C-alpha atoms as a PDB file:
ATOM      1  CA  MET A   1     -13.004   1.945  36.263  1.00  0.00           C
ATOM      2  CA  PRO A   2     -11.334   5.143  35.357  1.00  0.00           C
ATOM      3  CA  SER A   3     -13.758   8.406  35.184  1.00  0.00           C
ATOM      4  CA  ASN A   4     -13.269   8.293  31.800  1.00  0.00           C
ATOM      5  CA  GLN A   5     -14.705   5.432  31.275  1.00  0.00           C
ATOM      6  CA  SER A   6     -18.005   6.346  32.539  1.00  0.00           C
ATOM      7  CA  GLY A   7     -19.994   7.552  29.008  1.00  0.00           C
ATOM      8  CA  ALA A   8     -20.433  10.647  30.831  1.00  0.00           C
ATOM      9  CA  PRO A   9     -21.069  13.678  27.852  1.00  0.00           C
ATOM     10  CA  GLY A  10     -17.895  15.405  26.957  1.00  0.00           C
ATOM     11  CA  ASN A  11     -15.785  12.071  28.352  1.00  0.00           C
ATOM     12  CA  PRO A  12     -14.222  10.452  25.481  1.00  0.00           C
ATOM     13  CA  GLY A  13     -14.501   6.265  26.033  1.00  0.00           C
ATOM     14  CA  VAL A  14     -11.683   4.026  26.005  1.00  0.00           C
ATOM     15  CA  LEU A  15     -11.063   1.036  23.573  1.00  0.00           C
ATOM     16  CA  PHE A  16     -10.057  -1.980  24.712  1.00  0.00           C
ATOM     17  CA  VAL A  17      -8.405  -4.364  22.911  1.00  0.00           C
ATOM     18  CA  VAL A  18      -9.070  -7.736  24.432  1.00  0.00           C
ATOM     19  CA  ALA A  19      -7.375 -11.291  23.740  1.00  0.00           C
ATOM     20  CA  THR A  20      -9.635 -14.204  24.008  1.00  0.00           C
ATOM     21  CA  PRO A  21      -8.877 -17.785  24.010  1.00  0.00           C
ATOM     22  CA  ILE A  22      -7.289 -19.630  20.604  1.00  0.00           C
ATOM     23  CA  GLY A  23      -8.603 -23.089  21.680  1.00  0.00           C
ATOM     24  CA  ASN A  24      -8.931 -23.944  25.327  1.00  0.00           C
ATOM     25  CA  PRO A  25     -12.084 -21.775  26.858  1.00  0.00           C
ATOM     26  CA  ASP A  26     -10.334 -21.528  30.220  1.00  0.00           C
ATOM     27  CA  ASP A  27      -6.891 -19.517  28.821  1.00  0.00           C
ATOM     28  CA  ILE A  28      -9.709 -16.452  29.348  1.00  0.00           C
ATOM     29  CA  SER A  29      -8.375 -14.112  32.045  1.00  0.00           C
ATOM     30  CA  ALA A  30     -10.189 -12.630  34.844  1.00  0.00           C
ATOM     31  CA  ARG A  31      -9.615  -8.971  33.399  1.00  0.00           C
ATOM     32  CA  ALA A  32     -10.685  -9.930  30.171  1.00  0.00           C
ATOM     33  CA  LEU A  33     -14.064 -11.190  31.469  1.00  0.00           C
ATOM     34  CA  LYS A  34     -14.326  -8.071  33.479  1.00  0.00           C
ATOM     35  CA  VAL A  35     -13.938  -5.667  30.848  1.00  0.00           C
ATOM     36  CA  LEU A  36     -15.635  -7.285  28.552  1.00  0.00           C
ATOM     37  CA  ALA A  37     -18.741  -7.277  31.168  1.00  0.00           C
ATOM     38  CA  ASP A  38     -18.201  -3.962  31.644  1.00  0.00           C
ATOM     39  CA  ALA A  39     -18.094  -2.728  28.029  1.00  0.00           C
ATOM     40  CA  ASP A  40     -20.868  -0.842  26.659  1.00  0.00           C
ATOM     41  CA  LEU A  41     -20.410  -2.530  23.454  1.00  0.00           C
ATOM     42  CA  ILE A  42     -17.989  -5.904  21.725  1.00  0.00           C
ATOM     43  CA  ALA A  43     -16.940  -4.963  18.343  1.00  0.00           C
ATOM     44  CA  CYS A  44     -16.189  -8.658  17.225  1.00  0.00           C
ATOM     45  CA  GLU A  45     -15.504 -10.564  14.151  1.00  0.00           C
ATOM     46  CA  ASP A  46     -17.728 -12.999  14.408  1.00  0.00           C
ATOM     47  CA  THR A  47     -20.953 -11.942  16.706  1.00  0.00           C
ATOM     48  CA  ARG A  48     -22.415 -15.487  16.679  1.00  0.00           C
ATOM     49  CA  ARG A  49     -19.204 -17.006  17.701  1.00  0.00           C
ATOM     50  CA  THR A  50     -18.628 -14.350  19.950  1.00  0.00           C
ATOM     51  CA  GLY A  51     -21.770 -14.333  21.671  1.00  0.00           C
ATOM     52  CA  GLN A  52     -21.447 -18.204  22.209  1.00  0.00           C
ATOM     53  CA  MET A  53     -18.094 -17.337  24.199  1.00  0.00           C
ATOM     54  CA  LEU A  54     -20.012 -14.738  26.586  1.00  0.00           C
ATOM     55  CA  ALA A  55     -22.991 -17.030  26.358  1.00  0.00           C
ATOM     56  CA  ALA A  56     -20.938 -19.782  28.251  1.00  0.00           C
ATOM     57  CA  ARG A  57     -19.953 -17.194  31.159  1.00  0.00           C
ATOM     58  CA  GLY A  58     -22.894 -15.842  31.781  1.00  0.00           C
ATOM     59  CA  LEU A  59     -22.837 -12.539  29.712  1.00  0.00           C
ATOM     60  CA  ARG A  60     -25.183 -10.909  27.392  1.00  0.00           C
ATOM     61  CA  LYS A  61     -23.872  -7.578  25.563  1.00  0.00           C
ATOM     62  CA  HIS A  62     -24.404  -5.569  22.929  1.00  0.00           C
ATOM     63  CA  LEU A  63     -22.711  -6.681  19.791  1.00  0.00           C
ATOM     64  CA  VAL A  64     -21.460  -5.194  16.518  1.00  0.00           C
ATOM     65  CA  SER A  65     -19.595  -6.793  13.568  1.00  0.00           C
ATOM     66  CA  HIS A  66     -16.406  -6.068  12.918  1.00  0.00           C
ATOM     67  CA  TYR A  67     -14.487  -7.907  10.158  1.00  0.00           C
ATOM     68  CA  GLU A  68     -11.869  -7.327   7.042  1.00  0.00           C
ATOM     69  CA  HIS A  69     -14.904  -6.893   4.412  1.00  0.00           C
ATOM     70  CA  ASN A  70     -16.699  -4.093   6.844  1.00  0.00           C
ATOM     71  CA  GLU A  71     -14.055  -2.580   8.858  1.00  0.00           C
ATOM     72  CA  GLU A  72     -13.723   0.615   6.671  1.00  0.00           C
ATOM     73  CA  ARG A  73     -17.550   1.001   7.165  1.00  0.00           C
ATOM     74  CA  ARG A  74     -17.185   0.134  10.310  1.00  0.00           C
ATOM     75  CA  VAL A  75     -14.910   2.194  12.007  1.00  0.00           C
ATOM     76  CA  PRO A  76     -16.250   5.918  11.804  1.00  0.00           C
ATOM     77  CA  GLU A  77     -19.546   4.212  13.730  1.00  0.00           C
ATOM     78  CA  LEU A  78     -16.953   3.196  16.611  1.00  0.00           C
ATOM     79  CA  ILE A  79     -14.780   6.285  16.606  1.00  0.00           C
ATOM     80  CA  ALA A  80     -18.471   8.122  17.216  1.00  0.00           C
ATOM     81  CA  ARG A  81     -19.448   5.934  19.843  1.00  0.00           C
ATOM     82  CA  LEU A  82     -16.099   6.528  21.625  1.00  0.00           C
ATOM     83  CA  LYS A  83     -15.707  10.139  21.377  1.00  0.00           C
ATOM     84  CA  ASP A  84     -19.007   9.848  22.847  1.00  0.00           C
ATOM     85  CA  GLY A  85     -17.753   8.164  26.016  1.00  0.00           C
ATOM     86  CA  ALA A  86     -18.625   4.166  25.666  1.00  0.00           C
ATOM     87  CA  THR A  87     -16.345   1.593  26.449  1.00  0.00           C
ATOM     88  CA  VAL A  88     -15.644  -0.544  23.378  1.00  0.00           C
ATOM     89  CA  ALA A  89     -14.235  -3.814  23.539  1.00  0.00           C
ATOM     90  CA  LEU A  90     -12.917  -5.245  20.364  1.00  0.00           C
ATOM     91  CA  VAL A  91     -12.123  -8.838  20.303  1.00  0.00           C
ATOM     92  CA  THR A  92     -11.395 -11.425  17.116  1.00  0.00           C
ATOM     93  CA  ASP A  93     -12.528 -15.163  16.854  1.00  0.00           C
ATOM     94  CA  ALA A  94      -9.357 -16.218  18.755  1.00  0.00           C
ATOM     95  CA  GLY A  95      -6.391 -14.784  20.222  1.00  0.00           C
ATOM     96  CA  THR A  96      -4.947 -10.994  19.776  1.00  0.00           C
ATOM     97  CA  PRO A  97      -6.648  -8.614  17.969  1.00  0.00           C
ATOM     98  CA  ALA A  98      -4.670  -6.811  14.831  1.00  0.00           C
ATOM     99  CA  ILE A  99      -2.165  -9.626  15.006  1.00  0.00           C
ATOM    100  CA  SER A 100      -2.756 -10.945  11.638  1.00  0.00           C
ATOM    101  CA  ASP A 101      -6.758 -10.423  12.186  1.00  0.00           C
ATOM    102  CA  PRO A 102      -9.085  -7.123  12.194  1.00  0.00           C
ATOM    103  CA  GLY A 103      -8.210  -4.202  14.344  1.00  0.00           C
ATOM    104  CA  TYR A 104      -4.898  -2.099  13.883  1.00  0.00           C
ATOM    105  CA  ARG A 105      -7.084   0.541  11.835  1.00  0.00           C
ATOM    106  CA  LEU A 106      -9.835   0.971  14.705  1.00  0.00           C
ATOM    107  CA  VAL A 107      -6.836   1.172  16.890  1.00  0.00           C
ATOM    108  CA  ARG A 108      -4.862   4.192  15.067  1.00  0.00           C
ATOM    109  CA  ALA A 109      -8.941   5.858  14.416  1.00  0.00           C
ATOM    110  CA  ALA A 110      -8.945   5.689  18.290  1.00  0.00           C
ATOM    111  CA  HIS A 111      -5.717   7.500  18.405  1.00  0.00           C
ATOM    112  CA  GLU A 112      -5.816  10.157  16.104  1.00  0.00           C
ATOM    113  CA  ALA A 113      -9.239  10.873  17.849  1.00  0.00           C
ATOM    114  CA  GLY A 114      -7.855  11.299  21.172  1.00  0.00           C
ATOM    115  CA  VAL A 115      -9.650   7.821  22.716  1.00  0.00           C
ATOM    116  CA  THR A 116      -7.307   6.221  25.134  1.00  0.00           C
ATOM    117  CA  VAL A 117      -6.870   2.393  23.564  1.00  0.00           C
ATOM    118  CA  GLN A 118      -5.979   0.000  26.217  1.00  0.00           C
ATOM    119  CA  SER A 119      -4.065  -3.535  25.842  1.00  0.00           C
ATOM    120  CA  VAL A 120      -5.982  -7.024  27.823  1.00  0.00           C
ATOM    121  CA  PRO A 121      -3.138  -9.029  27.013  1.00  0.00           C
ATOM    122  CA  GLY A 122      -3.894 -12.475  26.649  1.00  0.00           C
ATOM    123  CA  PRO A 123      -3.375 -15.818  23.849  1.00  0.00           C
ATOM    124  CA  SER A 124      -1.641 -15.053  20.657  1.00  0.00           C
ATOM    125  CA  ALA A 125      -1.072 -18.510  18.193  1.00  0.00           C
ATOM    126  CA  ALA A 126       2.166 -16.852  17.007  1.00  0.00           C
ATOM    127  CA  ILE A 127       3.654 -16.446  20.271  1.00  0.00           C
ATOM    128  CA  ALA A 128       2.506 -19.789  21.849  1.00  0.00           C
ATOM    129  CA  ALA A 129       3.831 -21.607  18.754  1.00  0.00           C
ATOM    130  CA  LEU A 130       7.424 -19.663  19.549  1.00  0.00           C
ATOM    131  CA  SER A 131       7.471 -20.871  22.944  1.00  0.00           C
ATOM    132  CA  ILE A 132       7.273 -24.664  22.259  1.00  0.00           C
ATOM    133  CA  ALA A 133       9.097 -24.913  18.945  1.00  0.00           C
ATOM    134  CA  GLY A 134      12.228 -25.676  20.609  1.00  0.00           C
ATOM    135  CA  LEU A 135      14.006 -22.633  18.283  1.00  0.00           C
ATOM    136  CA  PRO A 136      15.558 -19.574  19.440  1.00  0.00           C
ATOM    137  CA  THR A 137      13.365 -17.027  20.916  1.00  0.00           C
ATOM    138  CA  ASP A 138      15.813 -14.043  21.838  1.00  0.00           C
ATOM    139  CA  ARG A 139      15.321 -12.206  18.128  1.00  0.00           C
ATOM    140  CA  PHE A 140      12.056 -13.213  15.936  1.00  0.00           C
ATOM    141  CA  VAL A 141       9.890 -11.824  13.163  1.00  0.00           C
ATOM    142  CA  PHE A 142       6.231 -12.545  12.220  1.00  0.00           C
ATOM    143  CA  GLU A 143       5.472 -12.856   8.816  1.00  0.00           C
ATOM    144  CA  GLY A 144       1.658 -13.869   9.202  1.00  0.00           C
ATOM    145  CA  PHE A 145       0.150 -15.430   6.365  1.00  0.00           C
ATOM    146  CA  LEU A 146       1.886 -15.953   3.003  1.00  0.00           C
ATOM    147  CA  PRO A 147       0.727 -14.947  -0.234  1.00  0.00           C
ATOM    148  CA  THR A 148      -1.034 -17.862  -1.861  1.00  0.00           C
ATOM    149  CA  ARG A 149       0.111 -17.280  -5.370  1.00  0.00           C
ATOM    150  CA  GLU A 150       2.624 -19.341  -6.239  1.00  0.00           C
ATOM    151  CA  GLY A 151       5.115 -16.543  -8.135  1.00  0.00           C
ATOM    152  CA  GLN A 152       4.223 -14.081  -4.967  1.00  0.00           C
ATOM    153  CA  LEU A 153       4.886 -16.952  -2.486  1.00  0.00           C
ATOM    154  CA  HIS A 154       8.399 -17.881  -3.538  1.00  0.00           C
ATOM    155  CA  LYS A 155       9.319 -14.139  -3.963  1.00  0.00           C
ATOM    156  CA  ARG A 156       8.625 -13.469  -0.286  1.00  0.00           C
ATOM    157  CA  LEU A 157       9.985 -16.824   1.097  1.00  0.00           C
ATOM    158  CA  GLU A 158      13.402 -15.802  -1.547  1.00  0.00           C
ATOM    159  CA  ALA A 159      13.449 -12.685   0.405  1.00  0.00           C
ATOM    160  CA  LEU A 160      13.709 -13.943   3.318  1.00  0.00           C
ATOM    161  CA  ALA A 161      16.073 -16.603   2.884  1.00  0.00           C
ATOM    162  CA  ARG A 162      18.916 -14.930   4.379  1.00  0.00           C
ATOM    163  CA  GLU A 163      16.999 -13.621   7.382  1.00  0.00           C
ATOM    164  CA  PRO A 164      18.996 -14.775  10.969  1.00  0.00           C
ATOM    165  CA  ARG A 165      15.796 -14.225  13.273  1.00  0.00           C
ATOM    166  CA  THR A 166      13.332 -17.203  13.981  1.00  0.00           C
ATOM    167  CA  ILE A 167      10.530 -17.060  11.443  1.00  0.00           C
ATOM    168  CA  VAL A 168       7.084 -17.234  12.706  1.00  0.00           C
ATOM    169  CA  PHE A 169       4.461 -17.830   9.823  1.00  0.00           C
ATOM    170  CA  TYR A 170       0.452 -18.533   9.628  1.00  0.00           C
ATOM    171  CA  GLU A 171      -1.083 -21.242   7.435  1.00  0.00           C
ATOM    172  CA  ALA A 172      -4.002 -22.899   6.156  1.00  0.00           C
ATOM    173  CA  ALA A 173      -3.888 -26.549   7.014  1.00  0.00           C
ATOM    174  CA  ARG A 174      -4.918 -27.868   3.412  1.00  0.00           C
ATOM    175  CA  ARG A 175      -1.661 -25.530   2.146  1.00  0.00           C
ATOM    176  CA  LEU A 176       0.800 -26.846   4.706  1.00  0.00           C
ATOM    177  CA  ALA A 177       2.527 -29.169   2.708  1.00  0.00           C
ATOM    178  CA  ASP A 178       2.499 -27.115  -0.397  1.00  0.00           C
ATOM    179  CA  THR A 179       4.232 -24.273   1.779  1.00  0.00           C
ATOM    180  CA  LEU A 180       6.722 -26.229   3.802  1.00  0.00           C
ATOM    181  CA  GLY A 181       7.857 -27.844   0.203  1.00  0.00           C
ATOM    182  CA  ALA A 182       8.647 -24.034  -1.191  1.00  0.00           C
ATOM    183  CA  MET A 183      10.155 -22.896   2.300  1.00  0.00           C
ATOM    184  CA  ALA A 184      12.783 -26.248   2.063  1.00  0.00           C
ATOM    185  CA  ALA A 185      13.619 -24.880  -1.704  1.00  0.00           C
ATOM    186  CA  ALA A 186      13.971 -21.215  -0.838  1.00  0.00           C
ATOM    187  CA  PHE A 187      15.520 -21.624   2.892  1.00  0.00           C
ATOM    188  CA  GLY A 188      17.658 -25.198   2.337  1.00  0.00           C
ATOM    189  CA  GLU A 189      15.821 -28.601   3.059  1.00  0.00           C
ATOM    190  CA  ASP A 190      17.858 -28.618   6.073  1.00  0.00           C
ATOM    191  CA  ARG A 191      17.363 -25.653   7.973  1.00  0.00           C
ATOM    192  CA  GLU A 192      15.332 -26.344  11.385  1.00  0.00           C
ATOM    193  CA  ALA A 193      11.107 -26.261  11.887  1.00  0.00           C
ATOM    194  CA  ALA A 194       8.376 -26.533  13.423  1.00  0.00           C
ATOM    195  CA  VAL A 195       4.678 -27.018  12.848  1.00  0.00           C
ATOM    196  CA  VAL A 196       2.465 -26.299  15.779  1.00  0.00           C
ATOM    197  CA  ARG A 197      -1.156 -27.794  15.035  1.00  0.00           C
ATOM    198  CA  GLU A 198      -4.433 -26.772  17.200  1.00  0.00           C
ATOM    199  CA  ALA A 199      -2.288 -25.165  20.111  1.00  0.00           C
ATOM    200  CA  THR A 200      -3.944 -25.340  23.189  1.00  0.00           C
ATOM    201  CA  LYS A 201      -6.667 -28.053  22.119  1.00  0.00           C
ATOM    202  CA  VAL A 202      -7.667 -31.139  22.675  1.00  0.00           C
ATOM    203  CA  HIS A 203      -5.214 -32.701  19.640  1.00  0.00           C
ATOM    204  CA  GLU A 204      -2.186 -30.088  20.065  1.00  0.00           C
ATOM    205  CA  GLU A 205       0.282 -31.417  17.753  1.00  0.00           C
ATOM    206  CA  THR A 206       4.273 -30.027  17.844  1.00  0.00           C
ATOM    207  CA  VAL A 207       6.026 -32.025  15.004  1.00  0.00           C
ATOM    208  CA  ARG A 208       9.609 -30.729  14.997  1.00  0.00           C
ATOM    209  CA  GLY A 209      12.411 -31.895  12.140  1.00  0.00           C
ATOM    210  CA  THR A 210      13.836 -30.022   8.642  1.00  0.00           C
ATOM    211  CA  LEU A 211      11.915 -28.240   6.198  1.00  0.00           C
ATOM    212  CA  GLY A 212      12.811 -31.286   3.718  1.00  0.00           C
ATOM    213  CA  GLN A 213      11.917 -33.821   6.953  1.00  0.00           C
ATOM    214  CA  LEU A 214       8.713 -31.601   7.670  1.00  0.00           C
ATOM    215  CA  ALA A 215       7.177 -31.200   3.992  1.00  0.00           C
ATOM    216  CA  ASP A 216       7.793 -35.372   3.528  1.00  0.00           C
ATOM    217  CA  ARG A 217       6.113 -35.445   6.358  1.00  0.00           C
ATOM    218  CA  PHE A 218       3.155 -33.363   5.730  1.00  0.00           C
ATOM    219  CA  ARG A 219       2.696 -34.308   2.225  1.00  0.00           C
ATOM    220  CA  ASN A 220       2.112 -38.038   2.690  1.00  0.00           C
ATOM    221  CA  SER A 221      -0.732 -37.159   5.957  1.00  0.00           C
ATOM    222  CA  GLU A 222      -3.971 -35.261   6.436  1.00  0.00           C
ATOM    223  CA  VAL A 223      -3.801 -32.167   8.537  1.00  0.00           C
ATOM    224  CA  LEU A 224      -6.406 -30.305  10.032  1.00  0.00           C
ATOM    225  CA  GLY A 225      -6.850 -27.702  12.269  1.00  0.00           C
ATOM    226  CA  GLU A 226      -5.023 -24.552  13.031  1.00  0.00           C
ATOM    227  CA  ILE A 227      -1.451 -23.884  11.683  1.00  0.00           C
ATOM    228  CA  THR A 228       1.258 -21.843  13.268  1.00  0.00           C
ATOM    229  CA  ILE A 229       4.974 -22.493  11.577  1.00  0.00           C
ATOM    230  CA  VAL A 230       8.227 -21.772  13.309  1.00  0.00           C
ATOM    231  CA  VAL A 231      11.629 -21.549  11.042  1.00  0.00           C
ATOM    232  CA  GLY A 232      14.975 -21.257  12.634  1.00  0.00           C
ATOM    233  CA  GLY A 233      16.830 -18.249  11.298  1.00  0.00           C
ATOM    234  CA  ALA A 234      19.609 -18.471   8.665  1.00  0.00           C
ATOM    235  CA  LYS A 235      23.158 -18.958  10.185  1.00  0.00           C
ATOM    236  CA  GLU A 236      24.954 -15.262   9.950  1.00  0.00           C
ATOM    237  CA  GLU A 237      27.850 -15.391   7.856  1.00  0.00           C
ATOM    238  CA  GLY A 238      31.560 -15.170   9.074  1.00  0.00           C
ATOM    239  CA  PRO A 239      34.976 -15.342   7.553  1.00  0.00           C
ATOM    240  CA  ALA A 240      34.762 -18.927   7.036  1.00  0.00           C
ATOM    241  CA  SER A 241      31.383 -19.474   6.629  1.00  0.00           C
ATOM    242  CA  GLY A 242      28.769 -19.112   3.368  1.00  0.00           C
ATOM    243  CA  SER A 243      31.592 -17.016   1.747  1.00  0.00           C
ATOM    244  CA  ALA A 244      33.190 -17.540  -1.941  1.00  0.00           C
ATOM    245  CA  ALA A 245      36.252 -18.479  -0.145  1.00  0.00           C
ATOM    246  CA  THR A 246      34.421 -21.583   1.035  1.00  0.00           C
ATOM    247  CA  VAL A 247      33.139 -22.951  -1.844  1.00  0.00           C
ATOM    248  CA  ASP A 248      36.740 -22.562  -3.706  1.00  0.00           C
ATOM    249  CA  SER A 249      38.786 -24.173  -0.243  1.00  0.00           C
ATOM    250  CA  LEU A 250      36.395 -27.397  -1.005  1.00  0.00           C
ATOM    251  CA  MET A 251      36.443 -27.556  -4.395  1.00  0.00           C
ATOM    252  CA  LYS A 252      40.507 -27.505  -3.847  1.00  0.00           C
ATOM    253  CA  GLU A 253      40.302 -30.627  -1.626  1.00  0.00           C
ATOM    254  CA  GLY A 254      38.378 -32.460  -4.434  1.00  0.00           C
ATOM    255  CA  LEU A 255      34.783 -31.632  -4.057  1.00  0.00           C
ATOM    256  CA  SER A 256      32.932 -30.835  -6.868  1.00  0.00           C
ATOM    257  CA  LEU A 257      30.869 -27.727  -7.685  1.00  0.00           C
ATOM    258  CA  LYS A 258      27.645 -29.391  -6.562  1.00  0.00           C
ATOM    259  CA  GLN A 259      28.839 -30.802  -3.296  1.00  0.00           C
ATOM    260  CA  ALA A 260      30.634 -27.893  -2.092  1.00  0.00           C
ATOM    261  CA  SER A 261      27.814 -25.715  -2.528  1.00  0.00           C
ATOM    262  CA  SER A 262      25.456 -28.325  -0.570  1.00  0.00           C
ATOM    263  CA  ILE A 263      27.757 -28.212   2.204  1.00  0.00           C
ATOM    264  CA  VAL A 264      27.718 -24.384   2.016  1.00  0.00           C
ATOM    265  CA  ALA A 265      24.494 -24.136   2.495  1.00  0.00           C
ATOM    266  CA  LYS A 266      24.015 -26.416   5.444  1.00  0.00           C
ATOM    267  CA  LEU A 267      26.379 -24.234   7.037  1.00  0.00           C
ATOM    268  CA  THR A 268      24.417 -21.053   6.327  1.00  0.00           C
ATOM    269  CA  GLY A 269      20.857 -22.184   6.311  1.00  0.00           C
ATOM    270  CA  ARG A 270      20.646 -21.083   2.419  1.00  0.00           C
ATOM    271  CA  SER A 271      19.029 -23.050  -0.042  1.00  0.00           C
ATOM    272  CA  ARG A 272      21.056 -25.236  -2.129  1.00  0.00           C
ATOM    273  CA  ARG A 273      20.154 -23.703  -5.160  1.00  0.00           C
ATOM    274  CA  GLU A 274      21.164 -20.562  -4.684  1.00  0.00           C
ATOM    275  CA  VAL A 275      23.913 -21.139  -3.243  1.00  0.00           C
ATOM    276  CA  TYR A 276      25.458 -23.183  -6.834  1.00  0.00           C
ATOM    277  CA  GLN A 277      23.561 -20.840  -8.784  1.00  0.00           C
ATOM    278  CA  GLU A 278      25.319 -18.124  -7.294  1.00  0.00           C
ATOM    279  CA  ALA A 279      29.180 -20.089  -7.126  1.00  0.00           C
ATOM    280  CA  LEU A 280      27.937 -21.188 -10.492  1.00  0.00           C
ATOM    281  CA  ALA A 281      27.867 -17.029 -12.151  1.00  0.00           C
ATOM    282  CA  ARG A 282      31.136 -16.113 -10.079  1.00  0.00           C
ATOM    283  CA  ARG A 283      32.618 -18.973 -11.993  1.00  0.00           C
ATOM    284  CA  ALA A 284      31.894 -18.384 -15.092  1.00  0.00           C
ATOM    285  CA  GLN A 285      32.913 -14.820 -14.427  1.00  0.00           C
ATOM    286  CA  SER A 286      36.093 -15.701 -13.392  1.00  0.00           C
ATOM    287  CA  GLY A 287      36.650 -18.328 -16.521  1.00  0.00           C
ATOM    288  CA  ASP A 288      36.882 -20.851 -14.361  1.00  0.00           C
ATOM    289  CA  ARG A 289      35.697 -24.540 -14.944  1.00  0.00           C
ATOM    290  CA  ASP A 290      33.729 -27.153 -12.737  1.00  0.00           C
END
């Protein structure tokens, strides 16, 4: 261990951000186990759950709770310990701390206090799901959990409808079908996606298809476990794709506005409703009729 982890007076300690398994207990790294064994205390989301994980590895450590509802109060206490020279390991119930989990406030406060912060990387449900979804991974965005209120949900999805990068979401099993339906309405039923359930666990499952197909699939079946949704990005619009000229050209070939809008939606990855309403408004402004 470096000298500033000794806990000597005047030497600030180190905050280790330690990733832990998201399912399979064998996914914990040798370095993570060493850091946890050597830490003066471990800040964890659930002391009972973390205690069980440590006990299975023959470790007994001083644990302090650090979760969403006590984070504001706990952070100053932990910073004080760190400034006194303690080595603190931060963990969450599963995966990488601060990724849709408590942690970033403590990390930020540690930096501001001049405390060294080190990462002990490992499992992350978002990266695990992305790696097996079969969708582009060269560029992606992580959205975490969507709003649960319907109005806020639709507003967020509409804002993401033209996002060209692959999008990763977390979702509760009980809301999966409704969320996929809302995504199909906002992004287009034909947008490619994958649902990864129970990653690294015994009943791991990856289901690929269009958003429309996935919404139908999970609407008619019971869903359990931890869920990650990976959605392909919108196709970036080119001069002959998703433009007013495309809709107009298709209509000149005898297609109705509805049919032309549906085709353009498939080409661009946008929702059919959005393309149709946009085209309808444009034609109304120009005085054209369907």
